[in-house]
Amino acid sequence: MKGFYPIVIRILRNGGFEFLRNGKGDHEVWSKGKIKVSIPYNLDKKPTANDILKKAGLSGRV
């Protein structure tokens, strides 16, 4: 785990998201109600991290 993965996970947890399951390859699936987002372990690009947070409905920026 490196890059933005731990930051995005922390923001998702603070936003009420919970770990749902392991995804394909090196991804995890997190959910909150009907919203599901997939996060790769090797999340190393800031725009990708911000896109995940936007899809999750969280306004926080990395």
C-alpha atoms as a PDB file:
ATOM      1  CA  MET A   1       0.000   0.000   0.000  1.00  0.00           C
ATOM      2  CA  LYS A   2       1.392   3.330  -1.013  1.00  0.00           C
ATOM      3  CA  GLY A   3       0.436   6.661  -2.424  1.00  0.00           C
ATOM      4  CA  PHE A   4      -3.102   7.886  -1.878  1.00  0.00           C
ATOM      5  CA  TYR A   5      -4.707   4.591  -0.790  1.00  0.00           C
ATOM      6  CA  PRO A   6      -4.487   5.195   2.992  1.00  0.00           C
ATOM      7  CA  ILE A   7      -5.702   8.780   2.606  1.00  0.00           C
ATOM      8  CA  VAL A   8      -8.737   7.797   0.525  1.00  0.00           C
ATOM      9  CA  ILE A   9      -9.611   4.947   2.913  1.00  0.00           C
ATOM     10  CA  ARG A  10      -9.459   7.327   5.889  1.00  0.00           C
ATOM     11  CA  ILE A  11     -11.755   9.836   4.153  1.00  0.00           C
ATOM     12  CA  LEU A  12     -14.205   7.073   3.183  1.00  0.00           C
ATOM     13  CA  ARG A  13     -14.317   5.712   6.760  1.00  0.00           C
ATOM     14  CA  ASN A  14     -14.912   9.199   8.144  1.00  0.00           C
ATOM     15  CA  GLY A  15     -17.707   9.576   5.576  1.00  0.00           C
ATOM     16  CA  GLY A  16     -19.492   6.459   6.823  1.00  0.00           C
ATOM     17  CA  PHE A  17     -18.256   3.934   4.247  1.00  0.00           C
ATOM     18  CA  GLU A  18     -17.473   0.353   5.242  1.00  0.00           C
ATOM     19  CA  PHE A  19     -15.336  -2.339   3.661  1.00  0.00           C
ATOM     20  CA  LEU A  20     -17.649  -4.617   1.678  1.00  0.00           C
ATOM     21  CA  ARG A  21     -15.376  -7.161  -0.012  1.00  0.00           C
ATOM     22  CA  ASN A  22     -12.232  -7.734  -2.017  1.00  0.00           C
ATOM     23  CA  GLY A  23     -12.644  -6.927  -5.672  1.00  0.00           C
ATOM     24  CA  LYS A  24     -10.932  -8.287  -8.741  1.00  0.00           C
ATOM     25  CA  GLY A  25      -7.165  -8.154  -8.768  1.00  0.00           C
ATOM     26  CA  ASP A  26      -5.796  -5.548  -6.404  1.00  0.00           C
ATOM     27  CA  HIS A  27      -9.050  -3.723  -5.601  1.00  0.00           C
ATOM     28  CA  GLU A  28     -11.336  -3.384  -2.604  1.00  0.00           C
ATOM     29  CA  VAL A  29     -15.031  -2.524  -2.713  1.00  0.00           C
ATOM     30  CA  TRP A  30     -16.370  -0.095  -0.096  1.00  0.00           C
ATOM     31  CA  SER A  31     -20.011   0.824   0.360  1.00  0.00           C
ATOM     32  CA  LYS A  32     -22.410   3.167   2.088  1.00  0.00           C
ATOM     33  CA  GLY A  33     -26.036   2.316   1.449  1.00  0.00           C
ATOM     34  CA  LYS A  34     -26.433   1.901  -2.305  1.00  0.00           C
ATOM     35  CA  ILE A  35     -23.169   3.683  -3.150  1.00  0.00           C
ATOM     36  CA  LYS A  36     -20.243   1.371  -3.950  1.00  0.00           C
ATOM     37  CA  VAL A  37     -16.723   2.424  -4.888  1.00  0.00           C
ATOM     38  CA  SER A  38     -13.739   0.352  -5.935  1.00  0.00           C
ATOM     39  CA  ILE A  39     -10.303   1.361  -4.653  1.00  0.00           C
ATOM     40  CA  PRO A  40      -7.038  -0.109  -5.980  1.00  0.00           C
ATOM     41  CA  TYR A  41      -4.229  -0.845  -3.497  1.00  0.00           C
ATOM     42  CA  ASN A  42      -1.752   0.886  -5.788  1.00  0.00           C
ATOM     43  CA  LEU A  43      -3.643   4.184  -5.931  1.00  0.00           C
ATOM     44  CA  ASP A  44      -0.824   6.559  -6.813  1.00  0.00           C
ATOM     45  CA  LYS A  45      -2.499   9.257  -8.920  1.00  0.00           C
ATOM     46  CA  LYS A  46      -4.165  12.257  -7.314  1.00  0.00           C
ATOM     47  CA  PRO A  47      -6.816  12.716 -10.047  1.00  0.00           C
ATOM     48  CA  THR A  48      -7.905   9.090  -9.648  1.00  0.00           C
ATOM     49  CA  ALA A  49      -8.160   9.499  -5.875  1.00  0.00           C
ATOM     50  CA  ASN A  50     -10.291  12.620  -6.312  1.00  0.00           C
ATOM     51  CA  ASP A  51     -12.534  10.838  -8.851  1.00  0.00           C
ATOM     52  CA  ILE A  52     -13.156   8.030  -6.350  1.00  0.00           C
ATOM     53  CA  LEU A  53     -14.131  10.550  -3.665  1.00  0.00           C
ATOM     54  CA  LYS A  54     -16.389  12.383  -6.114  1.00  0.00           C
ATOM     55  CA  LYS A  55     -18.134   9.109  -7.036  1.00  0.00           C
ATOM     56  CA  ALA A  56     -18.574   8.428  -3.319  1.00  0.00           C
ATOM     57  CA  GLY A  57     -20.304  11.786  -2.921  1.00  0.00           C
ATOM     58  CA  LEU A  58     -17.599  13.196  -0.683  1.00  0.00           C
ATOM     59  CA  SER A  59     -16.432  16.702  -1.432  1.00  0.00           C
ATOM     60  CA  GLY A  60     -13.023  16.262   0.180  1.00  0.00           C
ATOM     61  CA  ARG A  61      -9.997  16.596  -2.034  1.00  0.00           C
ATOM     62  CA  VAL A  62      -6.720  14.759  -1.577  1.00  0.00           C
END
